Amino acid sequence: MREDNREKRMFYKLIFLLVVTGLIVIVWIWKWTADDPKEQDPEEMFGKTEQQEDMNEPVGLDEAKINDVLIDEKDKNSEAQETNTNDDSQQNEQTENNQEEADLEQTYINQYGKQEVEQAKEQAEKVLALYLLQVTDWDKWEGAVTANYLENVQKEMTNFKDEKAKRELDTIDLFASQPLEHGEITYGAYATWHVTVKGKSTSKPMQLYYMTLQKEGDKWIVSNMVTPNNQNMEGEGKKN
């Protein structure tokens, strides 16, 4: 009797161990299956690799457009440099001209004295203003120009003066110039004025003049006045 009971207990223990072992095996198989990564198709893996490489590669650039941009930038830099060079040249030229004019005026002062040079400059400005404004009150010209030059001015204004046009002087910028002959003073002047007809502005000329002065008695008077291209007061060629 005791022997039978012992065999039954051993049998139950064996069954229990088998059940436990079976459960362990089932759990292990389930865990291994869940953790194992799914095998991927080689073509799918290769496709993903190519996509990653494509994403990492830089976008293709148009070399022709890049070259055009570089060439345009180079041209702009060259133009800017050329413009700066031209501006510097103009500034240097203007500085040299200003210095030359100052030197000429100082030469006049050394020769004739500052007071006489100032009187000559004032006389030149006065005569040019009378000329541009077409003043025909000849008393105002007396003592400011030579008799020969006054005669020429009277003929010119008689032929070309427009009674309907009104002149108003804007600016006269005088500068010393090289004299044509010894014993003379020459002044250049940039003059601007405007012409109105019946209250309406019709033109705004600008002209360069050169005035030659000679000494008569104790003062300097204008003996001649010319333009570089022999133009008349309106900045146009003289009429015949």
C-alpha atoms as a PDB file:
ATOM      1  CA  MET A   1       0.000   0.000   0.000  1.00  0.00           C
ATOM      2  CA  ARG A   2       2.721   2.363   0.911  1.00  0.00           C
ATOM      3  CA  GLU A   3       4.556   1.363  -2.236  1.00  0.00           C
ATOM      4  CA  ASP A   4       1.631   2.315  -4.401  1.00  0.00           C
ATOM      5  CA  ASN A   5       1.283   5.699  -2.785  1.00  0.00           C
ATOM      6  CA  ARG A   6       4.963   6.432  -3.388  1.00  0.00           C
ATOM      7  CA  GLU A   7       4.687   5.569  -7.066  1.00  0.00           C
ATOM      8  CA  LYS A   8       1.666   7.841  -7.451  1.00  0.00           C
ATOM      9  CA  ARG A   9       3.529  10.789  -5.871  1.00  0.00           C
ATOM     10  CA  MET A  10       6.502  10.171  -8.158  1.00  0.00           C
ATOM     11  CA  PHE A  11       4.127  10.029 -11.110  1.00  0.00           C
ATOM     12  CA  TYR A  12       2.491  13.326 -10.132  1.00  0.00           C
ATOM     13  CA  LYS A  13       5.860  14.998  -9.658  1.00  0.00           C
ATOM     14  CA  LEU A  14       6.981  13.781 -13.081  1.00  0.00           C
ATOM     15  CA  ILE A  15       3.818  15.151 -14.678  1.00  0.00           C
ATOM     16  CA  PHE A  16       4.274  18.460 -12.830  1.00  0.00           C
ATOM     17  CA  LEU A  17       7.870  18.748 -14.008  1.00  0.00           C
ATOM     18  CA  LEU A  18       6.852  17.996 -17.588  1.00  0.00           C
ATOM     19  CA  VAL A  19       4.124  20.611 -17.460  1.00  0.00           C
ATOM     20  CA  VAL A  20       6.504  23.204 -16.025  1.00  0.00           C
ATOM     21  CA  THR A  21       9.176  22.292 -18.568  1.00  0.00           C
ATOM     22  CA  GLY A  22       6.618  22.532 -21.354  1.00  0.00           C
ATOM     23  CA  LEU A  23       5.516  25.939 -20.192  1.00  0.00           C
ATOM     24  CA  ILE A  24       9.109  27.133 -20.001  1.00  0.00           C
ATOM     25  CA  VAL A  25       9.772  25.873 -23.527  1.00  0.00           C
ATOM     26  CA  ILE A  26       6.605  27.544 -24.834  1.00  0.00           C
ATOM     27  CA  VAL A  27       7.501  30.871 -23.169  1.00  0.00           C
ATOM     28  CA  TRP A  28      11.054  30.733 -24.496  1.00  0.00           C
ATOM     29  CA  ILE A  29       9.895  29.983 -28.056  1.00  0.00           C
ATOM     30  CA  TRP A  30       7.371  32.821 -27.881  1.00  0.00           C
ATOM     31  CA  LYS A  31       9.961  35.280 -26.557  1.00  0.00           C
ATOM     32  CA  TRP A  32      12.528  34.250 -29.172  1.00  0.00           C
ATOM     33  CA  THR A  33       9.998  34.633 -31.978  1.00  0.00           C
ATOM     34  CA  ALA A  34       8.891  38.085 -30.778  1.00  0.00           C
ATOM     35  CA  ASP A  35      12.455  39.437 -30.364  1.00  0.00           C
ATOM     36  CA  ASP A  36      13.791  38.126 -33.664  1.00  0.00           C
ATOM     37  CA  PRO A  37      13.825  40.974 -36.279  1.00  0.00           C
ATOM     38  CA  LYS A  38      11.900  40.308 -39.417  1.00  0.00           C
ATOM     39  CA  GLU A  39      14.134  39.401 -42.256  1.00  0.00           C
ATOM     40  CA  GLN A  40      14.100  42.046 -44.939  1.00  0.00           C
ATOM     41  CA  ASP A  41      14.055  41.525 -48.636  1.00  0.00           C
ATOM     42  CA  PRO A  42      17.536  42.282 -50.079  1.00  0.00           C
ATOM     43  CA  GLU A  43      15.985  44.421 -52.828  1.00  0.00           C
ATOM     44  CA  GLU A  44      14.037  46.408 -50.248  1.00  0.00           C
ATOM     45  CA  MET A  45      17.194  46.970 -48.190  1.00  0.00           C
ATOM     46  CA  PHE A  46      19.117  48.051 -51.327  1.00  0.00           C
ATOM     47  CA  GLY A  47      16.331  50.449 -52.274  1.00  0.00           C
ATOM     48  CA  LYS A  48      16.425  52.068 -48.847  1.00  0.00           C
ATOM     49  CA  THR A  49      20.195  52.380 -49.040  1.00  0.00           C
ATOM     50  CA  GLU A  50      19.925  54.141 -52.392  1.00  0.00           C
ATOM     51  CA  GLN A  51      17.309  56.518 -50.983  1.00  0.00           C
ATOM     52  CA  GLN A  52      19.568  57.371 -48.049  1.00  0.00           C
ATOM     53  CA  GLU A  53      22.478  57.996 -50.400  1.00  0.00           C
ATOM     54  CA  ASP A  54      20.264  60.198 -52.575  1.00  0.00           C
ATOM     55  CA  MET A  55      19.197  62.183 -49.531  1.00  0.00           C
ATOM     56  CA  ASN A  56      22.804  62.632 -48.436  1.00  0.00           C
ATOM     57  CA  GLU A  57      23.997  63.727 -51.898  1.00  0.00           C
ATOM     58  CA  PRO A  58      23.819  67.501 -52.588  1.00  0.00           C
ATOM     59  CA  VAL A  59      21.318  68.764 -55.128  1.00  0.00           C
ATOM     60  CA  GLY A  60      22.906  69.052 -58.570  1.00  0.00           C
ATOM     61  CA  LEU A  61      24.005  72.639 -59.437  1.00  0.00           C
ATOM     62  CA  ASP A  62      23.898  74.238 -62.877  1.00  0.00           C
ATOM     63  CA  GLU A  63      27.543  75.028 -63.631  1.00  0.00           C
ATOM     64  CA  ALA A  64      26.631  77.328 -66.518  1.00  0.00           C
ATOM     65  CA  LYS A  65      24.462  79.497 -64.246  1.00  0.00           C
ATOM     66  CA  ILE A  66      27.189  79.568 -61.613  1.00  0.00           C
ATOM     67  CA  ASN A  67      29.714  80.680 -64.228  1.00  0.00           C
ATOM     68  CA  ASP A  68      27.315  83.370 -65.477  1.00  0.00           C
ATOM     69  CA  VAL A  69      26.860  84.689 -61.944  1.00  0.00           C
ATOM     70  CA  LEU A  70      30.613  84.731 -61.361  1.00  0.00           C
ATOM     71  CA  ILE A  71      31.222  86.496 -64.680  1.00  0.00           C
ATOM     72  CA  ASP A  72      28.511  89.088 -63.941  1.00  0.00           C
ATOM     73  CA  GLU A  73      29.977  89.711 -60.508  1.00  0.00           C
ATOM     74  CA  LYS A  74      33.435  90.096 -62.023  1.00  0.00           C
ATOM     75  CA  ASP A  75      32.113  92.545 -64.624  1.00  0.00           C
ATOM     76  CA  LYS A  76      30.361  94.573 -61.915  1.00  0.00           C
ATOM     77  CA  ASN A  77      33.543  94.732 -59.874  1.00  0.00           C
ATOM     78  CA  SER A  78      35.498  95.800 -62.958  1.00  0.00           C
ATOM     79  CA  GLU A  79      32.947  98.493 -63.783  1.00  0.00           C
ATOM     80  CA  ALA A  80      32.958  99.756 -60.195  1.00  0.00           C
ATOM     81  CA  GLN A  81      36.758  99.847 -60.193  1.00  0.00           C
ATOM     82  CA  GLU A  82      36.787 101.675 -63.535  1.00  0.00           C
ATOM     83  CA  THR A  83      34.214 104.176 -62.261  1.00  0.00           C
ATOM     84  CA  ASN A  84      36.271 104.815 -59.136  1.00  0.00           C
ATOM     85  CA  THR A  85      39.364 105.281 -61.297  1.00  0.00           C
ATOM     86  CA  ASN A  86      37.539 107.762 -63.545  1.00  0.00           C
ATOM     87  CA  ASP A  87      36.189 109.644 -60.520  1.00  0.00           C
ATOM     88  CA  ASP A  88      39.677 109.830 -59.031  1.00  0.00           C
ATOM     89  CA  SER A  89      41.075 111.061 -62.363  1.00  0.00           C
ATOM     90  CA  GLN A  90      38.390 113.742 -62.615  1.00  0.00           C
ATOM     91  CA  GLN A  91      39.013 114.836 -59.036  1.00  0.00           C
ATOM     92  CA  ASN A  92      42.755 115.000 -59.665  1.00  0.00           C
ATOM     93  CA  GLU A  93      42.184 116.941 -62.873  1.00  0.00           C
ATOM     94  CA  GLN A  94      39.842 119.362 -61.113  1.00  0.00           C
ATOM     95  CA  THR A  95      42.346 119.829 -58.297  1.00  0.00           C
ATOM     96  CA  GLU A  96      45.099 120.524 -60.816  1.00  0.00           C
ATOM     97  CA  ASN A  97      42.898 123.044 -62.649  1.00  0.00           C
ATOM     98  CA  ASN A  98      42.015 124.812 -59.408  1.00  0.00           C
ATOM     99  CA  GLN A  99      45.660 124.960 -58.466  1.00  0.00           C
ATOM    100  CA  GLU A 100      46.595 126.322 -61.903  1.00  0.00           C
ATOM    101  CA  GLU A 101      43.923 129.019 -61.656  1.00  0.00           C
ATOM    102  CA  ALA A 102      45.130 129.983 -58.187  1.00  0.00           C
ATOM    103  CA  ASP A 103      48.695 130.133 -59.457  1.00  0.00           C
ATOM    104  CA  LEU A 104      47.670 132.353 -62.402  1.00  0.00           C
ATOM    105  CA  GLU A 105      45.788 134.737 -60.148  1.00  0.00           C
ATOM    106  CA  GLN A 106      48.759 134.882 -57.803  1.00  0.00           C
ATOM    107  CA  THR A 107      50.968 135.656 -60.809  1.00  0.00           C
ATOM    108  CA  TYR A 108      48.670 138.574 -61.700  1.00  0.00           C
ATOM    109  CA  ILE A 109      48.817 139.782 -58.108  1.00  0.00           C
ATOM    110  CA  ASN A 110      52.608 139.585 -58.108  1.00  0.00           C
ATOM    111  CA  GLN A 111      52.726 141.589 -61.356  1.00  0.00           C
ATOM    112  CA  TYR A 112      50.068 144.246 -60.794  1.00  0.00           C
ATOM    113  CA  GLY A 113      49.146 144.126 -57.120  1.00  0.00           C
ATOM    114  CA  LYS A 114      46.084 142.703 -55.397  1.00  0.00           C
ATOM    115  CA  GLN A 115      43.994 145.892 -55.663  1.00  0.00           C
ATOM    116  CA  GLU A 116      44.387 146.148 -59.443  1.00  0.00           C
ATOM    117  CA  VAL A 117      43.611 142.458 -59.943  1.00  0.00           C
ATOM    118  CA  GLU A 118      40.426 142.772 -57.877  1.00  0.00           C
ATOM    119  CA  GLN A 119      39.381 145.797 -59.955  1.00  0.00           C
ATOM    120  CA  ALA A 120      40.024 143.871 -63.180  1.00  0.00           C
ATOM    121  CA  LYS A 121      37.969 140.915 -61.932  1.00  0.00           C
ATOM    122  CA  GLU A 122      35.038 143.174 -60.960  1.00  0.00           C
ATOM    123  CA  GLN A 123      35.211 144.869 -64.356  1.00  0.00           C
ATOM    124  CA  ALA A 124      35.130 141.534 -66.185  1.00  0.00           C
ATOM    125  CA  GLU A 125      32.091 140.374 -64.207  1.00  0.00           C
ATOM    126  CA  LYS A 126      30.262 143.669 -64.795  1.00  0.00           C
ATOM    127  CA  VAL A 127      30.824 143.626 -68.571  1.00  0.00           C
ATOM    128  CA  LEU A 128      29.740 139.998 -68.881  1.00  0.00           C
ATOM    129  CA  ALA A 129      26.547 140.740 -66.940  1.00  0.00           C
ATOM    130  CA  LEU A 130      25.771 143.727 -69.213  1.00  0.00           C
ATOM    131  CA  TYR A 131      26.383 141.531 -72.251  1.00  0.00           C
ATOM    132  CA  LEU A 132      24.241 138.620 -71.115  1.00  0.00           C
ATOM    133  CA  LEU A 133      21.356 140.858 -70.028  1.00  0.00           C
ATOM    134  CA  GLN A 134      21.589 142.731 -73.373  1.00  0.00           C
ATOM    135  CA  VAL A 135      21.737 146.108 -71.668  1.00  0.00           C
ATOM    136  CA  THR A 136      21.493 148.844 -74.304  1.00  0.00           C
ATOM    137  CA  ASP A 137      21.899 151.747 -71.925  1.00  0.00           C
ATOM    138  CA  TRP A 138      25.329 152.535 -73.336  1.00  0.00           C
ATOM    139  CA  ASP A 139      26.211 154.908 -70.510  1.00  0.00           C
ATOM    140  CA  LYS A 140      26.598 151.827 -68.312  1.00  0.00           C
ATOM    141  CA  TRP A 141      29.232 150.500 -70.702  1.00  0.00           C
ATOM    142  CA  GLU A 142      31.275 153.676 -70.699  1.00  0.00           C
ATOM    143  CA  GLY A 143      34.549 153.291 -68.834  1.00  0.00           C
ATOM    144  CA  ALA A 144      34.149 149.496 -68.682  1.00  0.00           C
ATOM    145  CA  VAL A 145      35.180 148.551 -72.229  1.00  0.00           C
ATOM    146  CA  THR A 146      37.373 149.963 -74.975  1.00  0.00           C
ATOM    147  CA  ALA A 147      35.794 152.109 -77.690  1.00  0.00           C
ATOM    148  CA  ASN A 148      36.405 149.466 -80.362  1.00  0.00           C
ATOM    149  CA  TYR A 149      34.786 146.686 -78.332  1.00  0.00           C
ATOM    150  CA  LEU A 150      31.807 148.897 -77.454  1.00  0.00           C
ATOM    151  CA  GLU A 151      31.225 149.512 -81.145  1.00  0.00           C
ATOM    152  CA  ASN A 152      31.201 145.757 -81.809  1.00  0.00           C
ATOM    153  CA  VAL A 153      28.733 145.139 -78.970  1.00  0.00           C
ATOM    154  CA  GLN A 154      26.390 147.861 -80.228  1.00  0.00           C
ATOM    155  CA  LYS A 155      26.282 146.289 -83.708  1.00  0.00           C
ATOM    156  CA  GLU A 156      25.701 142.805 -82.292  1.00  0.00           C
ATOM    157  CA  MET A 157      22.857 143.798 -79.985  1.00  0.00           C
ATOM    158  CA  THR A 158      21.176 145.821 -82.721  1.00  0.00           C
ATOM    159  CA  ASN A 159      21.120 142.732 -84.958  1.00  0.00           C
ATOM    160  CA  PHE A 160      20.275 140.049 -82.441  1.00  0.00           C
ATOM    161  CA  LYS A 161      18.396 141.547 -79.503  1.00  0.00           C
ATOM    162  CA  ASP A 162      14.873 140.179 -79.043  1.00  0.00           C
ATOM    163  CA  GLU A 163      12.661 142.815 -77.462  1.00  0.00           C
ATOM    164  CA  LYS A 164      10.089 140.175 -76.429  1.00  0.00           C
ATOM    165  CA  ALA A 165      12.590 138.064 -74.528  1.00  0.00           C
ATOM    166  CA  LYS A 166      13.566 138.865 -70.970  1.00  0.00           C
ATOM    167  CA  ARG A 167      16.864 137.664 -69.550  1.00  0.00           C
ATOM    168  CA  GLU A 168      17.648 136.985 -65.912  1.00  0.00           C
ATOM    169  CA  LEU A 169      21.172 136.206 -64.795  1.00  0.00           C
ATOM    170  CA  ASP A 170      21.750 133.202 -62.536  1.00  0.00           C
ATOM    171  CA  THR A 171      25.484 132.775 -61.924  1.00  0.00           C
ATOM    172  CA  ILE A 172      28.877 133.996 -63.080  1.00  0.00           C
ATOM    173  CA  ASP A 173      31.881 131.977 -61.869  1.00  0.00           C
ATOM    174  CA  LEU A 174      35.155 133.727 -62.679  1.00  0.00           C
ATOM    175  CA  PHE A 175      38.605 132.156 -62.827  1.00  0.00           C
ATOM    176  CA  ALA A 176      42.012 133.430 -63.862  1.00  0.00           C
ATOM    177  CA  SER A 177      43.206 132.362 -67.304  1.00  0.00           C
ATOM    178  CA  GLN A 178      46.430 132.556 -69.294  1.00  0.00           C
ATOM    179  CA  PRO A 179      46.838 135.997 -70.958  1.00  0.00           C
ATOM    180  CA  LEU A 180      47.272 136.101 -74.736  1.00  0.00           C
ATOM    181  CA  GLU A 181      49.781 138.947 -74.666  1.00  0.00           C
ATOM    182  CA  HIS A 182      52.087 140.575 -72.162  1.00  0.00           C
ATOM    183  CA  GLY A 183      50.481 143.418 -70.219  1.00  0.00           C
ATOM    184  CA  GLU A 184      46.998 141.876 -70.371  1.00  0.00           C
ATOM    185  CA  ILE A 185      44.802 140.063 -67.872  1.00  0.00           C
ATOM    186  CA  THR A 186      42.453 137.310 -68.992  1.00  0.00           C
ATOM    187  CA  TYR A 187      39.560 135.936 -67.000  1.00  0.00           C
ATOM    188  CA  GLY A 188      37.337 133.017 -67.897  1.00  0.00           C
ATOM    189  CA  ALA A 189      33.781 132.704 -66.646  1.00  0.00           C
ATOM    190  CA  TYR A 190      31.063 130.072 -66.596  1.00  0.00           C
ATOM    191  CA  ALA A 191      27.756 131.908 -66.913  1.00  0.00           C
ATOM    192  CA  THR A 192      24.194 130.653 -66.602  1.00  0.00           C
ATOM    193  CA  TRP A 193      21.027 132.613 -67.237  1.00  0.00           C
ATOM    194  CA  HIS A 194      17.457 131.959 -68.295  1.00  0.00           C
ATOM    195  CA  VAL A 195      15.268 133.507 -70.943  1.00  0.00           C
ATOM    196  CA  THR A 196      11.538 134.103 -70.497  1.00  0.00           C
ATOM    197  CA  VAL A 197       8.966 135.140 -73.081  1.00  0.00           C
ATOM    198  CA  LYS A 198       5.608 136.390 -71.801  1.00  0.00           C
ATOM    199  CA  GLY A 199       6.426 135.042 -68.361  1.00  0.00           C
ATOM    200  CA  LYS A 200       7.296 131.523 -69.585  1.00  0.00           C
ATOM    201  CA  SER A 201      10.827 130.165 -69.367  1.00  0.00           C
ATOM    202  CA  THR A 202      11.990 129.155 -72.846  1.00  0.00           C
ATOM    203  CA  SER A 203      15.650 128.274 -72.262  1.00  0.00           C
ATOM    204  CA  LYS A 204      18.343 128.132 -69.617  1.00  0.00           C
ATOM    205  CA  PRO A 205      21.691 128.476 -71.393  1.00  0.00           C
ATOM    206  CA  MET A 206      25.142 127.926 -69.915  1.00  0.00           C
ATOM    207  CA  GLN A 207      28.236 129.262 -71.637  1.00  0.00           C
ATOM    208  CA  LEU A 208      31.960 129.683 -71.113  1.00  0.00           C
ATOM    209  CA  TYR A 209      33.437 133.108 -71.902  1.00  0.00           C
ATOM    210  CA  TYR A 210      36.963 134.515 -71.954  1.00  0.00           C
ATOM    211  CA  MET A 211      37.459 138.239 -71.353  1.00  0.00           C
ATOM    212  CA  THR A 212      40.660 140.082 -72.117  1.00  0.00           C
ATOM    213  CA  LEU A 213      41.386 143.217 -70.111  1.00  0.00           C
ATOM    214  CA  GLN A 214      43.957 145.923 -70.770  1.00  0.00           C
ATOM    215  CA  LYS A 215      44.942 148.827 -68.625  1.00  0.00           C
ATOM    216  CA  GLU A 216      43.718 152.242 -69.698  1.00  0.00           C
ATOM    217  CA  GLY A 217      44.768 155.050 -67.431  1.00  0.00           C
ATOM    218  CA  ASP A 218      44.566 153.825 -63.867  1.00  0.00           C
ATOM    219  CA  LYS A 219      42.048 150.993 -64.358  1.00  0.00           C
ATOM    220  CA  TRP A 220      41.536 147.791 -66.267  1.00  0.00           C
ATOM    221  CA  ILE A 221      38.822 147.621 -68.952  1.00  0.00           C
ATOM    222  CA  VAL A 222      37.566 144.855 -71.234  1.00  0.00           C
ATOM    223  CA  SER A 223      38.994 144.920 -74.756  1.00  0.00           C
ATOM    224  CA  ASN A 224      37.519 141.671 -76.063  1.00  0.00           C
ATOM    225  CA  MET A 225      35.262 138.770 -75.137  1.00  0.00           C
ATOM    226  CA  VAL A 226      35.042 135.420 -76.894  1.00  0.00           C
ATOM    227  CA  THR A 227      33.602 131.946 -76.458  1.00  0.00           C
ATOM    228  CA  PRO A 228      35.644 128.784 -77.181  1.00  0.00           C
ATOM    229  CA  ASN A 229      33.473 127.930 -80.209  1.00  0.00           C
ATOM    230  CA  ASN A 230      32.615 131.498 -81.241  1.00  0.00           C
ATOM    231  CA  GLN A 231      29.012 131.243 -80.071  1.00  0.00           C
ATOM    232  CA  ASN A 232      26.678 134.139 -79.513  1.00  0.00           C
ATOM    233  CA  MET A 233      24.813 135.010 -76.323  1.00  0.00           C
ATOM    234  CA  GLU A 234      22.130 132.337 -76.759  1.00  0.00           C
ATOM    235  CA  GLY A 235      24.698 129.562 -77.060  1.00  0.00           C
ATOM    236  CA  GLU A 236      23.963 129.129 -80.794  1.00  0.00           C
ATOM    237  CA  GLY A 237      25.931 129.958 -83.879  1.00  0.00           C
ATOM    238  CA  LYS A 238      25.670 133.568 -85.052  1.00  0.00           C
ATOM    239  CA  LYS A 239      23.120 134.371 -87.682  1.00  0.00           C
ATOM    240  CA  ASN A 240      24.158 135.853 -90.993  1.00  0.00           C
END
